[in-house]
C-alpha atoms as a PDB file:
ATOM      1  CA  MET A   1     -37.053  43.532 -64.171  1.00  0.00           C
ATOM      2  CA  ARG A   2     -33.242  44.591 -64.163  1.00  0.00           C
ATOM      3  CA  VAL A   3     -30.410  42.182 -64.045  1.00  0.00           C
ATOM      4  CA  ARG A   4     -27.148  43.767 -62.764  1.00  0.00           C
ATOM      5  CA  VAL A   5     -24.003  41.887 -63.997  1.00  0.00           C
ATOM      6  CA  LEU A   6     -20.768  42.624 -62.228  1.00  0.00           C
ATOM      7  CA  TYR A   7     -17.693  41.225 -64.012  1.00  0.00           C
ATOM      8  CA  HIS A   8     -13.891  41.485 -64.044  1.00  0.00           C
ATOM      9  CA  ASP A   9     -13.295  44.603 -66.048  1.00  0.00           C
ATOM     10  CA  HIS A  10     -10.564  44.872 -68.770  1.00  0.00           C
ATOM     11  CA  CYS A  11     -10.327  41.134 -69.005  1.00  0.00           C
ATOM     12  CA  PHE A  12     -11.331  38.924 -71.973  1.00  0.00           C
ATOM     13  CA  ASP A  13     -12.526  36.177 -69.755  1.00  0.00           C
ATOM     14  CA  GLY A  14     -14.402  38.615 -67.604  1.00  0.00           C
ATOM     15  CA  ALA A  15     -16.218  40.083 -70.647  1.00  0.00           C
ATOM     16  CA  ALA A  16     -16.871  36.592 -72.105  1.00  0.00           C
ATOM     17  CA  SER A  17     -18.251  35.462 -68.762  1.00  0.00           C
ATOM     18  CA  ALA A  18     -20.669  38.331 -68.612  1.00  0.00           C
ATOM     19  CA  ALA A  19     -21.715  37.632 -72.236  1.00  0.00           C
ATOM     20  CA  PHE A  20     -22.283  33.930 -71.671  1.00  0.00           C
ATOM     21  CA  PHE A  21     -23.979  34.346 -68.369  1.00  0.00           C
ATOM     22  CA  SER A  22     -26.323  37.089 -69.900  1.00  0.00           C
ATOM     23  CA  ARG A  23     -27.288  34.857 -72.778  1.00  0.00           C
ATOM     24  CA  PHE A  24     -27.994  31.874 -70.404  1.00  0.00           C
ATOM     25  CA  ALA A  25     -29.867  33.945 -67.798  1.00  0.00           C
ATOM     26  CA  ARG A  26     -31.990  35.708 -70.378  1.00  0.00           C
ATOM     27  CA  GLU A  27     -32.945  32.569 -72.216  1.00  0.00           C
ATOM     28  CA  LYS A  28     -33.326  30.391 -69.226  1.00  0.00           C
ATOM     29  CA  PHE A  29     -34.832  32.712 -66.572  1.00  0.00           C
ATOM     30  CA  TYR A  30     -35.260  36.394 -67.311  1.00  0.00           C
ATOM     31  CA  GLY A  31     -36.595  36.734 -70.935  1.00  0.00           C
ATOM     32  CA  ALA A  32     -37.921  40.273 -70.656  1.00  0.00           C
ATOM     33  CA  ALA A  33     -35.312  41.713 -68.244  1.00  0.00           C
ATOM     34  CA  ASP A  34     -32.889  44.667 -68.836  1.00  0.00           C
ATOM     35  CA  PHE A  35     -29.321  43.561 -68.468  1.00  0.00           C
ATOM     36  CA  SER A  36     -26.766  46.184 -67.221  1.00  0.00           C
ATOM     37  CA  TYR A  37     -23.054  45.830 -66.550  1.00  0.00           C
ATOM     38  CA  LEU A  38     -20.511  47.103 -64.035  1.00  0.00           C
ATOM     39  CA  GLY A  39     -16.867  46.424 -64.376  1.00  0.00           C
ATOM     40  CA  MET A  40     -14.877  45.611 -61.276  1.00  0.00           C
ATOM     41  CA  MET A  41     -11.170  46.029 -60.684  1.00  0.00           C
ATOM     42  CA  HIS A  42      -8.933  44.752 -57.961  1.00  0.00           C
ATOM     43  CA  MET A  43      -8.213  47.456 -55.597  1.00  0.00           C
ATOM     44  CA  PRO A  44      -5.962  47.878 -52.440  1.00  0.00           C
ATOM     45  CA  SER A  45      -7.890  46.924 -49.177  1.00  0.00           C
ATOM     46  CA  GLN A  46     -10.965  46.018 -51.263  1.00  0.00           C
ATOM     47  CA  THR A  47     -14.364  45.837 -49.881  1.00  0.00           C
ATOM     48  CA  TRP A  48     -17.887  45.547 -51.415  1.00  0.00           C
ATOM     49  CA  ASP A  49     -20.302  48.484 -51.485  1.00  0.00           C
ATOM     50  CA  GLU A  50     -23.831  47.162 -51.114  1.00  0.00           C
ATOM     51  CA  ALA A  51     -25.069  49.953 -53.347  1.00  0.00           C
ATOM     52  CA  VAL A  52     -23.556  48.267 -56.419  1.00  0.00           C
ATOM     53  CA  PHE A  53     -26.131  45.477 -56.022  1.00  0.00           C
ATOM     54  CA  ASP A  54     -29.009  47.612 -57.314  1.00  0.00           C
ATOM     55  CA  GLY A  55     -30.715  45.120 -59.673  1.00  0.00           C
ATOM     56  CA  ASP A  56     -33.743  42.924 -59.003  1.00  0.00           C
ATOM     57  CA  VAL A  57     -31.148  40.269 -59.804  1.00  0.00           C
ATOM     58  CA  ASN A  58     -27.562  40.712 -59.076  1.00  0.00           C
ATOM     59  CA  ALA A  59     -24.747  38.480 -60.489  1.00  0.00           C
ATOM     60  CA  ILE A  60     -20.945  38.509 -60.123  1.00  0.00           C
ATOM     61  CA  VAL A  61     -18.871  36.568 -62.684  1.00  0.00           C
ATOM     62  CA  ASP A  62     -15.123  36.111 -62.720  1.00  0.00           C
ATOM     63  CA  PHE A  63     -14.697  38.136 -59.592  1.00  0.00           C
ATOM     64  CA  LYS A  64     -14.483  37.885 -55.891  1.00  0.00           C
ATOM     65  CA  TYR A  65     -17.361  36.754 -53.713  1.00  0.00           C
ATOM     66  CA  ALA A  66     -19.595  39.313 -51.932  1.00  0.00           C
ATOM     67  CA  ALA A  67     -21.087  38.039 -48.662  1.00  0.00           C
ATOM     68  CA  THR A  68     -24.494  39.689 -49.033  1.00  0.00           C
ATOM     69  CA  GLU A  69     -28.095  38.441 -49.425  1.00  0.00           C
ATOM     70  CA  LYS A  70     -28.377  40.730 -52.397  1.00  0.00           C
ATOM     71  CA  LEU A  71     -26.136  38.389 -54.528  1.00  0.00           C
ATOM     72  CA  THR A  72     -28.374  36.103 -56.604  1.00  0.00           C
ATOM     73  CA  TRP A  73     -25.714  34.552 -58.830  1.00  0.00           C
ATOM     74  CA  TRP A  74     -21.897  33.979 -58.482  1.00  0.00           C
ATOM     75  CA  PHE A  75     -19.368  32.244 -60.702  1.00  0.00           C
ATOM     76  CA  ASP A  76     -15.672  32.410 -60.025  1.00  0.00           C
ATOM     77  CA  HIS A  77     -12.538  30.221 -60.626  1.00  0.00           C
ATOM     78  CA  HIS A  78      -9.748  32.098 -58.922  1.00  0.00           C
ATOM     79  CA  GLN A  79      -7.799  30.559 -56.119  1.00  0.00           C
ATOM     80  CA  SER A  80      -8.071  33.909 -54.358  1.00  0.00           C
ATOM     81  CA  ALA A  81     -11.956  34.106 -54.599  1.00  0.00           C
ATOM     82  CA  PHE A  82     -12.712  35.509 -51.163  1.00  0.00           C
ATOM     83  CA  LEU A  83     -11.702  38.796 -49.649  1.00  0.00           C
ATOM     84  CA  THR A  84     -11.687  37.390 -46.194  1.00  0.00           C
ATOM     85  CA  PRO A  85     -11.794  34.026 -44.376  1.00  0.00           C
ATOM     86  CA  GLU A  86     -15.118  35.209 -43.055  1.00  0.00           C
ATOM     87  CA  ASP A  87     -16.503  35.656 -46.635  1.00  0.00           C
ATOM     88  CA  ALA A  88     -15.449  32.026 -47.307  1.00  0.00           C
ATOM     89  CA  ASP A  89     -17.198  30.886 -44.279  1.00  0.00           C
ATOM     90  CA  TYR A  90     -20.363  32.823 -45.255  1.00  0.00           C
ATOM     91  CA  PHE A  91     -20.302  31.172 -48.683  1.00  0.00           C
ATOM     92  CA  LYS A  92     -20.054  27.682 -47.131  1.00  0.00           C
ATOM     93  CA  ARG A  93     -22.764  28.367 -44.565  1.00  0.00           C
ATOM     94  CA  ALA A  94     -25.186  29.980 -47.028  1.00  0.00           C
ATOM     95  CA  ASN A  95     -24.902  27.158 -49.504  1.00  0.00           C
ATOM     96  CA  ARG A  96     -26.898  29.000 -51.964  1.00  0.00           C
ATOM     97  CA  PRO A  97     -27.939  27.010 -55.133  1.00  0.00           C
ATOM     98  CA  TRP A  98     -26.868  29.658 -57.633  1.00  0.00           C
ATOM     99  CA  HIS A  99     -23.405  30.372 -56.194  1.00  0.00           C
ATOM    100  CA  PHE A 100     -20.721  28.362 -57.818  1.00  0.00           C
ATOM    101  CA  PHE A 101     -16.853  28.227 -57.271  1.00  0.00           C
ATOM    102  CA  ASP A 102     -14.288  25.940 -58.759  1.00  0.00           C
ATOM    103  CA  PRO A 103     -10.673  26.920 -59.035  1.00  0.00           C
ATOM    104  CA  HIS A 104      -9.780  23.992 -61.252  1.00  0.00           C
ATOM    105  CA  TYR A 105     -11.232  25.758 -64.386  1.00  0.00           C
ATOM    106  CA  ARG A 106      -8.867  27.691 -66.579  1.00  0.00           C
ATOM    107  CA  SER A 107     -11.498  30.272 -67.434  1.00  0.00           C
ATOM    108  CA  CYS A 108     -14.747  31.401 -65.796  1.00  0.00           C
ATOM    109  CA  THR A 109     -16.592  31.331 -69.178  1.00  0.00           C
ATOM    110  CA  LYS A 110     -15.898  27.566 -69.543  1.00  0.00           C
ATOM    111  CA  PHE A 111     -17.009  27.135 -65.890  1.00  0.00           C
ATOM    112  CA  ILE A 112     -20.284  28.946 -66.523  1.00  0.00           C
ATOM    113  CA  CYS A 113     -20.906  27.079 -69.792  1.00  0.00           C
ATOM    114  CA  THR A 114     -20.417  23.707 -68.013  1.00  0.00           C
ATOM    115  CA  VAL A 115     -22.690  24.566 -65.079  1.00  0.00           C
ATOM    116  CA  ALA A 116     -25.366  25.919 -67.428  1.00  0.00           C
ATOM    117  CA  ARG A 117     -25.264  22.567 -69.358  1.00  0.00           C
ATOM    118  CA  GLU A 118     -24.931  20.191 -66.491  1.00  0.00           C
ATOM    119  CA  ARG A 119     -27.205  21.828 -63.859  1.00  0.00           C
ATOM    120  CA  PHE A 120     -29.757  23.668 -65.917  1.00  0.00           C
ATOM    121  CA  GLY A 121     -29.752  21.808 -69.250  1.00  0.00           C
ATOM    122  CA  TYR A 122     -28.717  24.911 -71.228  1.00  0.00           C
ATOM    123  CA  GLU A 123     -26.604  24.952 -74.318  1.00  0.00           C
ATOM    124  CA  ALA A 124     -25.648  27.657 -76.842  1.00  0.00           C
ATOM    125  CA  PRO A 125     -23.587  25.972 -79.562  1.00  0.00           C
ATOM    126  CA  ASP A 126     -23.087  29.168 -81.506  1.00  0.00           C
ATOM    127  CA  LEU A 127     -21.066  30.532 -78.423  1.00  0.00           C
ATOM    128  CA  ASN A 128     -18.530  27.628 -78.478  1.00  0.00           C
ATOM    129  CA  GLU A 129     -16.006  29.822 -80.180  1.00  0.00           C
ATOM    130  CA  LEU A 130     -16.317  32.216 -77.433  1.00  0.00           C
ATOM    131  CA  VAL A 131     -16.003  29.759 -74.770  1.00  0.00           C
ATOM    132  CA  GLU A 132     -12.975  28.048 -76.507  1.00  0.00           C
ATOM    133  CA  TRP A 133     -11.139  31.410 -76.788  1.00  0.00           C
ATOM    134  CA  ALA A 134     -11.767  32.458 -73.229  1.00  0.00           C
ATOM    135  CA  ASP A 135     -10.167  29.133 -72.253  1.00  0.00           C
ATOM    136  CA  ILE A 136      -7.171  29.834 -74.363  1.00  0.00           C
ATOM    137  CA  VAL A 137      -6.847  33.468 -73.326  1.00  0.00           C
ATOM    138  CA  ASP A 138      -7.338  33.060 -69.578  1.00  0.00           C
ATOM    139  CA  GLY A 139      -5.510  29.748 -69.479  1.00  0.00           C
ATOM    140  CA  ALA A 140      -2.548  31.076 -71.501  1.00  0.00           C
ATOM    141  CA  GLN A 141      -3.105  28.225 -74.068  1.00  0.00           C
ATOM    142  CA  TYR A 142      -1.733  30.006 -77.169  1.00  0.00           C
ATOM    143  CA  ARG A 143       0.270  27.972 -79.572  1.00  0.00           C
ATOM    144  CA  ASP A 144       3.282  30.191 -78.803  1.00  0.00           C
ATOM    145  CA  ALA A 145       4.257  33.636 -77.766  1.00  0.00           C
ATOM    146  CA  LYS A 146       4.099  34.787 -81.399  1.00  0.00           C
ATOM    147  CA  GLU A 147       0.395  34.075 -81.578  1.00  0.00           C
ATOM    148  CA  ALA A 148      -0.242  35.908 -78.303  1.00  0.00           C
ATOM    149  CA  VAL A 149       1.825  38.972 -79.049  1.00  0.00           C
ATOM    150  CA  GLU A 150       1.667  39.710 -82.811  1.00  0.00           C
ATOM    151  CA  ILE A 151      -2.207  40.436 -82.562  1.00  0.00           C
ATOM    152  CA  GLU A 152      -3.260  38.893 -85.977  1.00  0.00           C
ATOM    153  CA  LEU A 153      -6.321  36.854 -84.957  1.00  0.00           C
ATOM    154  CA  PRO A 154      -9.854  38.305 -84.021  1.00  0.00           C
ATOM    155  CA  ALA A 155      -9.639  37.083 -80.442  1.00  0.00           C
ATOM    156  CA  THR A 156      -6.334  38.624 -79.838  1.00  0.00           C
ATOM    157  CA  LYS A 157      -7.440  41.993 -81.284  1.00  0.00           C
ATOM    158  CA  LEU A 158     -10.359  41.900 -78.846  1.00  0.00           C
ATOM    159  CA  VAL A 159      -7.996  41.022 -76.018  1.00  0.00           C
ATOM    160  CA  LEU A 160      -6.054  44.195 -76.919  1.00  0.00           C
ATOM    161  CA  VAL A 161      -9.153  46.388 -76.952  1.00  0.00           C
ATOM    162  CA  ILE A 162     -10.727  44.954 -73.740  1.00  0.00           C
ATOM    163  CA  GLU A 163      -7.546  45.108 -71.743  1.00  0.00           C
ATOM    164  CA  GLY A 164      -6.286  48.523 -73.106  1.00  0.00           C
ATOM    165  CA  ALA A 165      -9.377  50.624 -73.403  1.00  0.00           C
ATOM    166  CA  LYS A 166      -9.958  53.526 -71.036  1.00  0.00           C
ATOM    167  CA  GLY A 167     -13.320  53.221 -69.193  1.00  0.00           C
ATOM    168  CA  SER A 168     -15.818  50.477 -69.569  1.00  0.00           C
ATOM    169  CA  GLU A 169     -18.100  51.700 -72.392  1.00  0.00           C
ATOM    170  CA  ILE A 170     -16.425  49.811 -75.240  1.00  0.00           C
ATOM    171  CA  VAL A 171     -16.217  46.763 -73.043  1.00  0.00           C
ATOM    172  CA  HIS A 172     -20.060  46.797 -72.442  1.00  0.00           C
ATOM    173  CA  HIS A 173     -20.438  47.219 -76.163  1.00  0.00           C
ATOM    174  CA  ILE A 174     -18.334  44.060 -76.751  1.00  0.00           C
ATOM    175  CA  ILE A 175     -20.179  42.135 -74.099  1.00  0.00           C
ATOM    176  CA  ARG A 176     -23.435  42.707 -75.873  1.00  0.00           C
ATOM    177  CA  LEU A 177     -21.948  41.734 -79.257  1.00  0.00           C
ATOM    178  CA  MET A 178     -20.431  38.606 -77.739  1.00  0.00           C
ATOM    179  CA  GLN A 179     -23.790  37.297 -76.966  1.00  0.00           C
ATOM    180  CA  ARG A 180     -24.787  36.857 -80.593  1.00  0.00           C
ATOM    181  CA  GLU A 181     -21.943  37.537 -82.982  1.00  0.00           C
ATOM    182  CA  ARG A 182     -18.715  35.675 -84.001  1.00  0.00           C
ATOM    183  CA  LEU A 183     -15.393  37.105 -82.785  1.00  0.00           C
ATOM    184  CA  GLU A 184     -14.275  37.978 -86.442  1.00  0.00           C
ATOM    185  CA  ALA A 185     -17.439  40.109 -86.870  1.00  0.00           C
ATOM    186  CA  ILE A 186     -16.979  41.829 -83.401  1.00  0.00           C
ATOM    187  CA  ALA A 187     -13.278  42.512 -84.179  1.00  0.00           C
ATOM    188  CA  GLU A 188     -14.373  44.275 -87.445  1.00  0.00           C
ATOM    189  CA  ASN A 189     -17.103  46.273 -85.842  1.00  0.00           C
ATOM    190  CA  SER A 190     -16.580  49.966 -86.572  1.00  0.00           C
ATOM    191  CA  GLN A 191     -16.600  51.078 -82.841  1.00  0.00           C
ATOM    192  CA  VAL A 192     -14.113  48.311 -81.901  1.00  0.00           C
ATOM    193  CA  GLN A 193     -11.884  49.251 -84.886  1.00  0.00           C
ATOM    194  CA  GLU A 194     -11.860  52.867 -83.702  1.00  0.00           C
ATOM    195  CA  TRP A 195     -10.424  51.628 -80.372  1.00  0.00           C
ATOM    196  CA  PHE A 196      -8.169  49.030 -81.902  1.00  0.00           C
ATOM    197  CA  ARG A 197      -6.089  51.119 -84.234  1.00  0.00           C
ATOM    198  CA  PRO A 198      -4.474  53.514 -81.546  1.00  0.00           C
ATOM    199  CA  LEU A 199      -4.187  50.599 -78.973  1.00  0.00           C
ATOM    200  CA  TYR A 200      -2.262  48.539 -81.481  1.00  0.00           C
ATOM    201  CA  GLN A 201       0.240  51.407 -82.014  1.00  0.00           C
ATOM    202  CA  GLN A 202       0.518  51.633 -78.287  1.00  0.00           C
ATOM    203  CA  HIS A 203       1.115  47.868 -78.022  1.00  0.00           C
ATOM    204  CA  VAL A 204       4.039  48.113 -80.417  1.00  0.00           C
ATOM    205  CA  ARG A 205       5.526  50.966 -78.440  1.00  0.00           C
ATOM    206  CA  SER A 206       5.099  48.963 -75.229  1.00  0.00           C
ATOM    207  CA  MET A 207       7.057  46.016 -76.839  1.00  0.00           C
ATOM    208  CA  ASP A 208       9.974  48.438 -77.526  1.00  0.00           C
ATOM    209  CA  LEU A 209       9.744  49.842 -74.008  1.00  0.00           C
ATOM    210  CA  ILE A 210       9.756  46.505 -72.285  1.00  0.00           C
ATOM    211  CA  GLU A 211      12.644  45.338 -74.393  1.00  0.00           C
ATOM    212  CA  ARG A 212      14.629  48.332 -73.090  1.00  0.00           C
ATOM    213  CA  ARG A 213      13.501  48.163 -69.577  1.00  0.00           C
ATOM    214  CA  SER A 214      13.549  44.413 -68.954  1.00  0.00           C
ATOM    215  CA  HIS A 215      16.359  42.445 -67.215  1.00  0.00           C
ATOM    216  CA  TYR A 216      16.723  38.750 -67.333  1.00  0.00           C
ATOM    217  CA  ASP A 217      18.632  36.782 -64.603  1.00  0.00           C
ATOM    218  CA  ARG A 218      18.216  33.191 -63.298  1.00  0.00           C
ATOM    219  CA  GLY A 219      14.883  32.451 -65.029  1.00  0.00           C
ATOM    220  CA  VAL A 220      13.130  35.777 -64.033  1.00  0.00           C
ATOM    221  CA  VAL A 221      12.489  38.848 -66.137  1.00  0.00           C
ATOM    222  CA  PHE A 222      11.950  42.003 -64.222  1.00  0.00           C
ATOM    223  CA  PHE A 223      10.905  45.566 -65.466  1.00  0.00           C
ATOM    224  CA  ASP A 224       9.670  48.647 -63.876  1.00  0.00           C
ATOM    225  CA  LEU A 225       7.354  50.888 -65.983  1.00  0.00           C
ATOM    226  CA  ALA A 226       6.256  53.132 -63.114  1.00  0.00           C
ATOM    227  CA  ASP A 227       8.039  56.124 -64.614  1.00  0.00           C
ATOM    228  CA  ASP A 228       6.812  55.569 -68.150  1.00  0.00           C
ATOM    229  CA  GLY A 229       3.138  56.189 -67.905  1.00  0.00           C
ATOM    230  CA  VAL A 230       2.275  52.794 -68.855  1.00  0.00           C
ATOM    231  CA  GLU A 231      -0.713  51.159 -67.080  1.00  0.00           C
ATOM    232  CA  GLY A 232      -0.929  47.815 -68.816  1.00  0.00           C
ATOM    233  CA  TYR A 233       0.758  45.554 -71.354  1.00  0.00           C
ATOM    234  CA  ASN A 234       0.308  42.251 -73.144  1.00  0.00           C
ATOM    235  CA  LYS A 235       1.568  39.877 -70.491  1.00  0.00           C
ATOM    236  CA  PHE A 236       3.199  37.584 -73.071  1.00  0.00           C
ATOM    237  CA  ILE A 237       5.643  40.206 -74.354  1.00  0.00           C
ATOM    238  CA  PRO A 238       8.283  39.238 -71.839  1.00  0.00           C
ATOM    239  CA  TYR A 239       8.224  35.573 -73.097  1.00  0.00           C
ATOM    240  CA  TYR A 240       8.251  36.720 -76.652  1.00  0.00           C
ATOM    241  CA  LEU A 241      11.440  38.779 -75.923  1.00  0.00           C
ATOM    242  CA  HIS A 242      12.947  36.319 -73.509  1.00  0.00           C
ATOM    243  CA  PRO A 243      11.771  32.829 -74.448  1.00  0.00           C
ATOM    244  CA  GLU A 244      14.356  31.309 -71.978  1.00  0.00           C
ATOM    245  CA  SER A 245      12.521  32.917 -69.018  1.00  0.00           C
ATOM    246  CA  ILE A 246      10.243  31.135 -66.511  1.00  0.00           C
ATOM    247  CA  TYR A 247       8.825  34.017 -64.530  1.00  0.00           C
ATOM    248  CA  THR A 248       8.093  37.727 -65.033  1.00  0.00           C
ATOM    249  CA  VAL A 249       7.687  40.423 -62.282  1.00  0.00           C
ATOM    250  CA  SER A 250       6.762  43.980 -63.237  1.00  0.00           C
ATOM    251  CA  VAL A 251       5.817  47.268 -61.441  1.00  0.00           C
ATOM    252  CA  MET A 252       3.348  49.769 -62.831  1.00  0.00           C
ATOM    253  CA  THR A 253       1.291  52.756 -61.631  1.00  0.00           C
ATOM    254  CA  ALA A 254      -2.206  53.754 -62.571  1.00  0.00           C
ATOM    255  CA  SER A 255      -4.757  56.536 -61.455  1.00  0.00           C
ATOM    256  CA  PHE A 256      -6.183  54.222 -58.838  1.00  0.00           C
ATOM    257  CA  ARG A 257      -3.423  51.853 -57.696  1.00  0.00           C
ATOM    258  CA  THR A 258       0.167  50.768 -57.846  1.00  0.00           C
ATOM    259  CA  LYS A 259       0.390  47.308 -59.244  1.00  0.00           C
ATOM    260  CA  ILE A 260       2.852  44.412 -59.114  1.00  0.00           C
ATOM    261  CA  SER A 261       2.225  41.766 -61.737  1.00  0.00           C
ATOM    262  CA  VAL A 262       3.697  38.209 -61.456  1.00  0.00           C
ATOM    263  CA  GLY A 263       3.460  35.693 -64.168  1.00  0.00           C
ATOM    264  CA  SER A 264       4.899  32.490 -65.595  1.00  0.00           C
ATOM    265  CA  ASN A 265       5.944  31.490 -69.049  1.00  0.00           C
ATOM    266  CA  PRO A 266       3.278  29.123 -70.462  1.00  0.00           C
ATOM    267  CA  TRP A 267       5.909  27.569 -72.850  1.00  0.00           C
ATOM    268  CA  ALA A 268       8.555  26.925 -70.094  1.00  0.00           C
ATOM    269  CA  LYS A 269       9.550  23.294 -69.848  1.00  0.00           C
ATOM    270  CA  GLY A 270       9.011  21.314 -66.574  1.00  0.00           C
ATOM    271  CA  GLU A 271       6.673  21.939 -63.575  1.00  0.00           C
ATOM    272  CA  LEU A 272       6.844  25.349 -61.843  1.00  0.00           C
ATOM    273  CA  LYS A 273       8.193  25.309 -58.349  1.00  0.00           C
ATOM    274  CA  HIS A 274       6.064  28.270 -57.165  1.00  0.00           C
ATOM    275  CA  ASN A 275       2.414  28.935 -56.725  1.00  0.00           C
ATOM    276  CA  LEU A 276       2.177  32.631 -57.685  1.00  0.00           C
ATOM    277  CA  ALA A 277      -1.307  33.125 -56.305  1.00  0.00           C
ATOM    278  CA  SER A 278      -0.009  32.085 -52.873  1.00  0.00           C
ATOM    279  CA  ILE A 279       2.972  34.366 -53.144  1.00  0.00           C
ATOM    280  CA  CYS A 280       0.758  37.373 -54.101  1.00  0.00           C
ATOM    281  CA  GLU A 281      -1.618  36.501 -51.242  1.00  0.00           C
ATOM    282  CA  ARG A 282       1.089  37.154 -48.678  1.00  0.00           C
ATOM    283  CA  TYR A 283       1.131  40.720 -49.826  1.00  0.00           C
ATOM    284  CA  GLY A 284      -2.676  41.213 -50.035  1.00  0.00           C
ATOM    285  CA  GLY A 285      -2.957  40.076 -53.770  1.00  0.00           C
ATOM    286  CA  GLY A 286      -4.005  36.807 -55.348  1.00  0.00           C
ATOM    287  CA  GLY A 287      -4.731  35.167 -58.631  1.00  0.00           C
ATOM    288  CA  HIS A 288      -4.042  31.739 -60.100  1.00  0.00           C
ATOM    289  CA  PRO A 289      -1.104  29.379 -59.448  1.00  0.00           C
ATOM    290  CA  ARG A 290       0.601  30.501 -62.656  1.00  0.00           C
ATOM    291  CA  VAL A 291      -0.292  34.164 -62.593  1.00  0.00           C
ATOM    292  CA  GLY A 292      -1.061  36.741 -59.899  1.00  0.00           C
ATOM    293  CA  ALA A 293      -0.995  40.428 -58.966  1.00  0.00           C
ATOM    294  CA  ILE A 294      -0.756  42.732 -55.962  1.00  0.00           C
ATOM    295  CA  SER A 295      -2.599  46.109 -55.854  1.00  0.00           C
ATOM    296  CA  LEU A 296      -1.100  48.719 -53.491  1.00  0.00           C
ATOM    297  CA  PRO A 297      -2.442  52.288 -52.963  1.00  0.00           C
ATOM    298  CA  VAL A 298      -1.623  55.168 -55.216  1.00  0.00           C
ATOM    299  CA  GLY A 299       1.757  56.639 -54.337  1.00  0.00           C
ATOM    300  CA  ALA A 300       3.112  53.378 -52.767  1.00  0.00           C
ATOM    301  CA  LEU A 301       5.757  53.074 -55.307  1.00  0.00           C
ATOM    302  CA  ALA A 302       8.592  52.510 -52.898  1.00  0.00           C
ATOM    303  CA  GLU A 303       6.714  49.676 -51.153  1.00  0.00           C
ATOM    304  CA  ALA A 304       5.828  48.167 -54.546  1.00  0.00           C
ATOM    305  CA  ARG A 305       9.406  48.217 -55.640  1.00  0.00           C
ATOM    306  CA  ARG A 306      10.416  46.582 -52.264  1.00  0.00           C
ATOM    307  CA  VAL A 307       7.853  43.811 -52.584  1.00  0.00           C
ATOM    308  CA  ALA A 308       8.741  43.185 -56.243  1.00  0.00           C
ATOM    309  CA  ALA A 309      12.363  42.885 -55.340  1.00  0.00           C
ATOM    310  CA  GLU A 310      11.429  40.281 -52.595  1.00  0.00           C
ATOM    311  CA  ILE A 311       9.489  38.218 -55.131  1.00  0.00           C
ATOM    312  CA  VAL A 312      12.055  38.381 -57.727  1.00  0.00           C
ATOM    313  CA  GLU A 313      14.737  37.131 -55.296  1.00  0.00           C
ATOM    314  CA  GLU A 314      12.470  34.373 -54.127  1.00  0.00           C
ATOM    315  CA  LEU A 315      11.723  33.238 -57.580  1.00  0.00           C
ATOM    316  CA  ARG A 316      15.419  33.411 -58.614  1.00  0.00           C
ATOM    317  CA  SER A 317      16.629  31.716 -55.337  1.00  0.00           C
ATOM    318  CA  ASP A 318      16.122  28.045 -56.530  1.00  0.00           C
ATOM    319  CA  TYR A 319      16.771  28.595 -60.296  1.00  0.00           C
END
């Protein structure tokens, strides 16, 4: 038997969700199965290709719903969990017992852990550290920006590797290690270290670049990295550099999309006035109330800059 696990790629919670689900599914249902992984990224005009559901059992964790009879398991916690209203209607009508959705959870890993315990009587106490850190990372529950940005703890080292690695091979390696090993041991794994060292140097350079490119005004930090060849960055760097900020908006390009990222400062005082997922949904994106993103086609840089400027002005308008 083959279990195919589709997960949110280059995301710590996505990898941790795939790891926890695999451990749960293997020990509770599919003891002799072969587990394989496929990382999914948010794309412009995204649709599902039925060919990706090529397992005897197919699961999606920490990613959008697929309205297909081939989907056995689904766990997600994003406000923007459905590609279309029709997909949401399909989910409600199908009412399948192994499809789970709850946007109130900070992390999908914690959601899977809770469902596994409460619905199936399954617990894995040795994975408590993994669940706790997935909740910290995806829920932006770090003690401060320094902890998130200075990359001294095992979990933050793994975040750097998972988010920054090219391709999915090292992420799959980490997913397999996460099922049995503590985060410190995984961070010191020789293959992980090979990826970590150059990525850390890249991280230091991106901090310097964002410091030079970013502009703060009326609660919002904006920067455009489209001409700098940067495809990703630690999303807490703006708050490390501008602790007085409330929101961040940035523009980047990659080989497969043009991306607008919209985030909020976890350490800002008071309630946020804007739901960032709802703002991003207006432009075809989505996410969580406190963080979201929009993916546009490759080459749509002028459009991305226009959209980013509109969002920046909206966020600044009632500062």
